[in-house]
PDB file of N, CA and C in Angstrom:
ATOM      1  N   MET A   1      11.535-103.466  63.810  1.00  0.00           N
ATOM      2  CA  MET A   1      11.952-104.081  62.384  1.00  0.00           C
ATOM      3  C   MET A   1      12.095-105.082  62.355  1.00  0.00           C
ATOM      4  N   LYS A   2      11.422-105.346  61.580  1.00  0.00           N
ATOM      5  CA  LYS A   2      11.014-106.961  60.660  1.00  0.00           C
ATOM      6  C   LYS A   2      12.774-107.506  60.544  1.00  0.00           C
ATOM      7  N   LYS A   3      13.159-108.414  60.855  1.00  0.00           N
ATOM      8  CA  LYS A   3      14.566-108.999  60.193  1.00  0.00           C
ATOM      9  C   LYS A   3      14.027-110.017  59.276  1.00  0.00           C
ATOM     10  N   HIS A   4      14.304-109.168  58.036  1.00  0.00           N
ATOM     11  CA  HIS A   4      13.838-110.013  56.646  1.00  0.00           C
ATOM     12  C   HIS A   4      15.173-110.915  56.231  1.00  0.00           C
ATOM     13  N   PHE A   5      16.097-110.249  56.436  1.00  0.00           N
ATOM     14  CA  PHE A   5      17.551-111.482  56.253  1.00  0.00           C
ATOM     15  C   PHE A   5      17.901-112.183  57.405  1.00  0.00           C
ATOM     16  N   GLN A   6      17.051-112.639  58.474  1.00  0.00           N
ATOM     17  CA  GLN A   6      17.599-113.224  59.494  1.00  0.00           C
ATOM     18  C   GLN A   6      18.212-114.630  58.906  1.00  0.00           C
ATOM     19  N   ASN A   7      19.033-115.536  59.603  1.00  0.00           N
ATOM     20  CA  ASN A   7      19.599-116.754  58.977  1.00  0.00           C
ATOM     21  C   ASN A   7      19.921-116.699  57.458  1.00  0.00           C
ATOM     22  N   LYS A   8      20.099-115.408  57.008  1.00  0.00           N
ATOM     23  CA  LYS A   8      21.252-115.200  55.661  1.00  0.00           C
ATOM     24  C   LYS A   8      22.626-114.465  55.445  1.00  0.00           C
ATOM     25  N   ILE A   9      23.100-115.044  54.346  1.00  0.00           N
ATOM     26  CA  ILE A   9      24.663-114.283  54.892  1.00  0.00           C
ATOM     27  C   ILE A   9      24.912-113.701  53.854  1.00  0.00           C
ATOM     28  N   ALA A  10      25.280-112.430  53.831  1.00  0.00           N
ATOM     29  CA  ALA A  10      25.684-111.246  52.687  1.00  0.00           C
ATOM     30  C   ALA A  10      27.233-111.401  52.275  1.00  0.00           C
ATOM     31  N   ILE A  11      27.517-111.211  51.067  1.00  0.00           N
ATOM     32  CA  ILE A  11      29.007-110.452  51.075  1.00  0.00           C
ATOM     33  C   ILE A  11      28.650-109.330  50.509  1.00  0.00           C
ATOM     34  N   VAL A  12      29.574-108.594  51.129  1.00  0.00           N
ATOM     35  CA  VAL A  12      29.623-107.149  50.591  1.00  0.00           C
ATOM     36  C   VAL A  12      30.783-106.807  50.589  1.00  0.00           C
ATOM     37  N   THR A  13      31.343-106.026  49.237  1.00  0.00           N
ATOM     38  CA  THR A  13      32.751-105.668  48.871  1.00  0.00           C
ATOM     39  C   THR A  13      32.533-103.977  49.017  1.00  0.00           C
ATOM     40  N   GLY A  14      33.681-103.722  49.057  1.00  0.00           N
ATOM     41  CA  GLY A  14      33.734-102.108  49.092  1.00  0.00           C
ATOM     42  C   GLY A  14      32.925-101.923  50.602  1.00  0.00           C
ATOM     43  N   ALA A  15      32.625-102.522  51.382  1.00  0.00           N
ATOM     44  CA  ALA A  15      32.331-102.348  52.822  1.00  0.00           C
ATOM     45  C   ALA A  15      32.839-101.178  53.672  1.00  0.00           C
ATOM     46  N   ALA A  16      33.793-100.601  53.413  1.00  0.00           N
ATOM     47  CA  ALA A  16      34.520 -99.738  54.407  1.00  0.00           C
ATOM     48  C   ALA A  16      34.029 -98.481  54.460  1.00  0.00           C
ATOM     49  N   SER A  17      33.455 -98.232  53.217  1.00  0.00           N
ATOM     50  CA  SER A  17      32.999 -96.395  52.939  1.00  0.00           C
ATOM     51  C   SER A  17      31.596 -96.422  51.878  1.00  0.00           C
ATOM     52  N   GLY A  18      31.167 -95.400  51.998  1.00  0.00           N
ATOM     53  CA  GLY A  18      30.040 -94.876  50.756  1.00  0.00           C
ATOM     54  C   GLY A  18      28.981 -95.795  51.050  1.00  0.00           C
ATOM     55  N   ILE A  19      28.582 -96.569  49.430  1.00  0.00           N
ATOM     56  CA  ILE A  19      27.500 -97.415  49.282  1.00  0.00           C
ATOM     57  C   ILE A  19      27.527 -98.583  50.001  1.00  0.00           C
ATOM     58  N   GLY A  20      28.846 -99.261  49.865  1.00  0.00           N
ATOM     59  CA  GLY A  20      29.176-100.826  50.271  1.00  0.00           C
ATOM     60  C   GLY A  20      28.716-100.859  51.878  1.00  0.00           C
ATOM     61  N   ARG A  21      29.269 -99.525  52.378  1.00  0.00           N
ATOM     62  CA  ARG A  21      29.427 -99.709  53.965  1.00  0.00           C
ATOM     63  C   ARG A  21      27.660 -99.366  54.384  1.00  0.00           C
ATOM     64  N   GLU A  22      27.103 -98.492  53.809  1.00  0.00           N
ATOM     65  CA  GLU A  22      25.556 -98.372  54.042  1.00  0.00           C
ATOM     66  C   GLU A  22      24.569 -99.573  53.798  1.00  0.00           C
ATOM     67  N   LEU A  23      25.123-100.076  52.501  1.00  0.00           N
ATOM     68  CA  LEU A  23      24.493-101.513  52.176  1.00  0.00           C
ATOM     69  C   LEU A  23      24.974-102.707  53.609  1.00  0.00           C
ATOM     70  N   ALA A  24      25.977-102.768  54.013  1.00  0.00           N
ATOM     71  CA  ALA A  24      26.447-103.343  55.245  1.00  0.00           C
ATOM     72  C   ALA A  24      25.534-103.140  56.226  1.00  0.00           C
ATOM     73  N   VAL A  25      25.370-101.780  56.413  1.00  0.00           N
ATOM     74  CA  VAL A  25      24.547-101.326  58.032  1.00  0.00           C
ATOM     75  C   VAL A  25      23.338-101.918  57.581  1.00  0.00           C
ATOM     76  N   GLN A  26      22.837-101.363  56.397  1.00  0.00           N
ATOM     77  CA  GLN A  26      21.521-101.910  56.089  1.00  0.00           C
ATOM     78  C   GLN A  26      21.116-103.265  56.700  1.00  0.00           C
ATOM     79  N   LEU A  27      21.990-104.346  55.963  1.00  0.00           N
ATOM     80  CA  LEU A  27      21.548-105.599  55.877  1.00  0.00           C
ATOM     81  C   LEU A  27      21.870-106.215  57.321  1.00  0.00           C
ATOM     82  N   LEU A  28      22.686-105.610  57.917  1.00  0.00           N
ATOM     83  CA  LEU A  28      22.728-105.964  59.302  1.00  0.00           C
ATOM     84  C   LEU A  28      21.554-105.662  60.422  1.00  0.00           C
ATOM     85  N   SER A  29      21.014-104.486  59.640  1.00  0.00           N
ATOM     86  CA  SER A  29      19.566-104.201  60.540  1.00  0.00           C
ATOM     87  C   SER A  29      18.691-104.862  60.348  1.00  0.00           C
ATOM     88  N   HIS A  30      18.760-105.518  59.596  1.00  0.00           N
ATOM     89  CA  HIS A  30      17.453-106.653  59.144  1.00  0.00           C
ATOM     90  C   HIS A  30      17.870-107.847  59.229  1.00  0.00           C
ATOM     91  N   GLY A  31      18.920-108.174  60.090  1.00  0.00           N
ATOM     92  CA  GLY A  31      19.201-109.297  60.637  1.00  0.00           C
ATOM     93  C   GLY A  31      19.996-110.116  59.838  1.00  0.00           C
ATOM     94  N   ALA A  32      20.683-110.062  58.662  1.00  0.00           N
ATOM     95  CA  ALA A  32      22.028-110.525  58.094  1.00  0.00           C
ATOM     96  C   ALA A  32      23.013-110.969  58.847  1.00  0.00           C
ATOM     97  N   THR A  33      23.868-112.138  58.415  1.00  0.00           N
ATOM     98  CA  THR A  33      25.210-111.978  58.741  1.00  0.00           C
ATOM     99  C   THR A  33      25.680-111.635  57.650  1.00  0.00           C
ATOM    100  N   VAL A  34      26.872-110.622  57.691  1.00  0.00           N
ATOM    101  CA  VAL A  34      27.965-109.898  57.103  1.00  0.00           C
ATOM    102  C   VAL A  34      29.199-110.093  56.948  1.00  0.00           C
ATOM    103  N   ILE A  35      29.727-110.690  55.740  1.00  0.00           N
ATOM    104  CA  ILE A  35      30.870-110.464  55.569  1.00  0.00           C
ATOM    105  C   ILE A  35      31.693-109.779  54.522  1.00  0.00           C
ATOM    106  N   ALA A  36      31.948-108.477  55.396  1.00  0.00           N
ATOM    107  CA  ALA A  36      32.572-107.427  54.741  1.00  0.00           C
ATOM    108  C   ALA A  36      33.932-107.344  54.331  1.00  0.00           C
ATOM    109  N   THR A  37      34.055-106.689  52.984  1.00  0.00           N
ATOM    110  CA  THR A  37      35.357-106.878  52.423  1.00  0.00           C
ATOM    111  C   THR A  37      35.660-105.826  51.616  1.00  0.00           C
ATOM    112  N   ASP A  38      37.344-105.088  51.935  1.00  0.00           N
ATOM    113  CA  ASP A  38      37.617-103.940  51.473  1.00  0.00           C
ATOM    114  C   ASP A  38      39.015-103.778  51.666  1.00  0.00           C
ATOM    115  N   VAL A  39      39.592-103.242  50.595  1.00  0.00           N
ATOM    116  CA  VAL A  39      41.022-102.845  50.760  1.00  0.00           C
ATOM    117  C   VAL A  39      41.519-102.082  52.126  1.00  0.00           C
ATOM    118  N   ASN A  40      40.580-101.339  52.378  1.00  0.00           N
ATOM    119  CA  ASN A  40      40.275-100.343  53.337  1.00  0.00           C
ATOM    120  C   ASN A  40      40.430-101.204  54.930  1.00  0.00           C
ATOM    121  N   LEU A  41      41.266-101.569  55.254  1.00  0.00           N
ATOM    122  CA  LEU A  41      41.249-102.564  56.207  1.00  0.00           C
ATOM    123  C   LEU A  41      40.973-101.483  57.785  1.00  0.00           C
ATOM    124  N   ALA A  42      41.260-100.311  57.749  1.00  0.00           N
ATOM    125  CA  ALA A  42      40.742 -99.695  59.215  1.00  0.00           C
ATOM    126  C   ALA A  42      39.495 -99.258  58.730  1.00  0.00           C
ATOM    127  N   GLY A  43      38.960 -99.054  57.654  1.00  0.00           N
ATOM    128  CA  GLY A  43      37.557 -98.929  57.545  1.00  0.00           C
ATOM    129  C   GLY A  43      36.535-100.248  57.839  1.00  0.00           C
ATOM    130  N   LEU A  44      37.204-101.206  57.678  1.00  0.00           N
ATOM    131  CA  LEU A  44      36.575-102.235  58.178  1.00  0.00           C
ATOM    132  C   LEU A  44      35.884-102.443  59.714  1.00  0.00           C
ATOM    133  N   GLU A  45      37.783-102.188  60.156  1.00  0.00           N
ATOM    134  CA  GLU A  45      37.379-102.197  61.616  1.00  0.00           C
ATOM    135  C   GLU A  45      36.570-101.484  61.943  1.00  0.00           C
ATOM    136  N   THR A  46      36.317-100.403  61.749  1.00  0.00           N
ATOM    137  CA  THR A  46      35.646 -99.272  62.230  1.00  0.00           C
ATOM    138  C   THR A  46      33.922 -99.750  61.870  1.00  0.00           C
ATOM    139  N   LEU A  47      33.616-100.348  60.963  1.00  0.00           N
ATOM    140  CA  LEU A  47      32.486-100.720  60.708  1.00  0.00           C
ATOM    141  C   LEU A  47      32.173-102.005  61.304  1.00  0.00           C
ATOM    142  N   GLN A  48      33.097-102.750  62.224  1.00  0.00           N
ATOM    143  CA  GLN A  48      32.909-104.017  62.932  1.00  0.00           C
ATOM    144  C   GLN A  48      32.629-103.266  64.008  1.00  0.00           C
ATOM    145  N   SER A  49      33.530-102.233  64.833  1.00  0.00           N
ATOM    146  CA  SER A  49      33.214-102.014  65.980  1.00  0.00           C
ATOM    147  C   SER A  49      31.916-100.958  66.334  1.00  0.00           C
ATOM    148  N   GLU A  50      31.994-100.267  65.134  1.00  0.00           N
ATOM    149  CA  GLU A  50      30.245 -99.614  65.572  1.00  0.00           C
ATOM    150  C   GLU A  50      29.051-100.292  65.203  1.00  0.00           C
ATOM    151  N   GLN A  51      29.190-101.397  64.097  1.00  0.00           N
ATOM    152  CA  GLN A  51      27.847-102.066  63.507  1.00  0.00           C
ATOM    153  C   GLN A  51      28.186-103.507  63.600  1.00  0.00           C
ATOM    154  N   ALA A  52      29.035-104.330  63.623  1.00  0.00           N
ATOM    155  CA  ALA A  52      29.137-105.334  63.182  1.00  0.00           C
ATOM    156  C   ALA A  52      30.131-106.323  63.925  1.00  0.00           C
ATOM    157  N   ALA A  53      29.589-106.328  64.975  1.00  0.00           N
ATOM    158  CA  ALA A  53      30.788-107.389  66.363  1.00  0.00           C
ATOM    159  C   ALA A  53      30.120-108.840  66.038  1.00  0.00           C
ATOM    160  N   GLY A  54      31.095-109.462  65.855  1.00  0.00           N
ATOM    161  CA  GLY A  54      30.588-110.528  65.557  1.00  0.00           C
ATOM    162  C   GLY A  54      30.646-111.205  63.889  1.00  0.00           C
ATOM    163  N   ASN A  55      30.441-110.336  63.241  1.00  0.00           N
ATOM    164  CA  ASN A  55      30.418-110.800  61.908  1.00  0.00           C
ATOM    165  C   ASN A  55      31.869-110.817  61.366  1.00  0.00           C
ATOM    166  N   ARG A  56      31.978-111.209  60.231  1.00  0.00           N
ATOM    167  CA  ARG A  56      33.420-111.265  59.323  1.00  0.00           C
ATOM    168  C   ARG A  56      34.072-110.147  58.779  1.00  0.00           C
ATOM    169  N   LEU A  57      34.980-110.113  58.718  1.00  0.00           N
ATOM    170  CA  LEU A  57      35.788-109.114  57.671  1.00  0.00           C
ATOM    171  C   LEU A  57      36.941-109.510  56.873  1.00  0.00           C
ATOM    172  N   GLN A  58      36.925-109.220  55.952  1.00  0.00           N
ATOM    173  CA  GLN A  58      38.009-109.908  55.006  1.00  0.00           C
ATOM    174  C   GLN A  58      38.505-108.968  54.053  1.00  0.00           C
ATOM    175  N   ASP A  59      39.501-108.969  54.007  1.00  0.00           N
ATOM    176  CA  ASP A  59      40.702-108.362  53.098  1.00  0.00           C
ATOM    177  C   ASP A  59      40.191-108.153  51.785  1.00  0.00           C
ATOM    178  N   ALA A  60      40.465-107.502  50.867  1.00  0.00           N
ATOM    179  CA  ALA A  60      39.808-106.930  49.265  1.00  0.00           C
ATOM    180  C   ALA A  60      39.791-108.627  49.269  1.00  0.00           C
ATOM    181  N   VAL A  61      38.939-108.815  47.885  1.00  0.00           N
ATOM    182  CA  VAL A  61      38.652-109.773  47.376  1.00  0.00           C
ATOM    183  C   VAL A  61      38.981-109.708  45.710  1.00  0.00           C
ATOM    184  N   THR A  62      40.442-109.707  45.561  1.00  0.00           N
ATOM    185  CA  THR A  62      40.648-108.998  44.052  1.00  0.00           C
ATOM    186  C   THR A  62      40.926-110.085  43.006  1.00  0.00           C
ATOM    187  N   ASP A  63      41.441-111.321  43.582  1.00  0.00           N
ATOM    188  CA  ASP A  63      41.097-112.362  42.143  1.00  0.00           C
ATOM    189  C   ASP A  63      40.356-113.672  42.764  1.00  0.00           C
ATOM    190  N   PRO A  64      40.259-114.503  41.684  1.00  0.00           N
ATOM    191  CA  PRO A  64      39.700-115.347  41.825  1.00  0.00           C
ATOM    192  C   PRO A  64      39.968-116.291  42.924  1.00  0.00           C
ATOM    193  N   ALA A  65      41.085-116.864  43.176  1.00  0.00           N
ATOM    194  CA  ALA A  65      41.747-117.402  44.431  1.00  0.00           C
ATOM    195  C   ALA A  65      41.474-116.786  45.208  1.00  0.00           C
ATOM    196  N   GLU A  66      41.259-115.677  45.892  1.00  0.00           N
ATOM    197  CA  GLU A  66      40.748-114.950  46.916  1.00  0.00           C
ATOM    198  C   GLU A  66      39.317-115.474  47.239  1.00  0.00           C
ATOM    199  N   LEU A  67      38.505-115.262  46.608  1.00  0.00           N
ATOM    200  CA  LEU A  67      37.072-115.408  46.471  1.00  0.00           C
ATOM    201  C   LEU A  67      36.735-116.787  46.615  1.00  0.00           C
ATOM    202  N   LEU A  68      37.306-117.720  45.899  1.00  0.00           N
ATOM    203  CA  LEU A  68      37.306-119.235  46.451  1.00  0.00           C
ATOM    204  C   LEU A  68      37.519-119.565  47.810  1.00  0.00           C
ATOM    205  N   ALA A  69      38.559-118.965  48.274  1.00  0.00           N
ATOM    206  CA  ALA A  69      38.991-118.988  49.846  1.00  0.00           C
ATOM    207  C   ALA A  69      37.808-118.296  50.735  1.00  0.00           C
ATOM    208  N   LEU A  70      37.388-117.230  50.021  1.00  0.00           N
ATOM    209  CA  LEU A  70      36.211-116.630  51.064  1.00  0.00           C
ATOM    210  C   LEU A  70      35.467-117.575  51.188  1.00  0.00           C
ATOM    211  N   LEU A  71      34.749-117.908  50.189  1.00  0.00           N
ATOM    212  CA  LEU A  71      33.794-119.073  49.966  1.00  0.00           C
ATOM    213  C   LEU A  71      33.854-120.237  50.272  1.00  0.00           C
ATOM    214  N   GLY A  72      35.006-120.691  50.906  1.00  0.00           N
ATOM    215  CA  GLY A  72      35.626-122.145  51.604  1.00  0.00           C
ATOM    216  C   GLY A  72      35.767-122.961  50.576  1.00  0.00           C
ATOM    217  N   LEU A  73      36.051-122.641  49.030  1.00  0.00           N
ATOM    218  CA  LEU A  73      36.205-123.860  48.288  1.00  0.00           C
ATOM    219  C   LEU A  73      37.547-124.169  47.679  1.00  0.00           C
TER     220      LEU A  73
END
């Protein structure tokens, strides 16, 4: 499989389940570094243990200050 997203960083909100989880899994399989966010921390931990070892997990980004902190601004 080609690594189309090698050296790219993706932020996926709602990554603990459903479409967000599948998007995170697909991005990882194509070489992206994924920063996964969700209010469901248990789901994020499962994602990390199954798919994303070494990628960053973040609690939900629900207000502008949290988003700025996530981006390091």
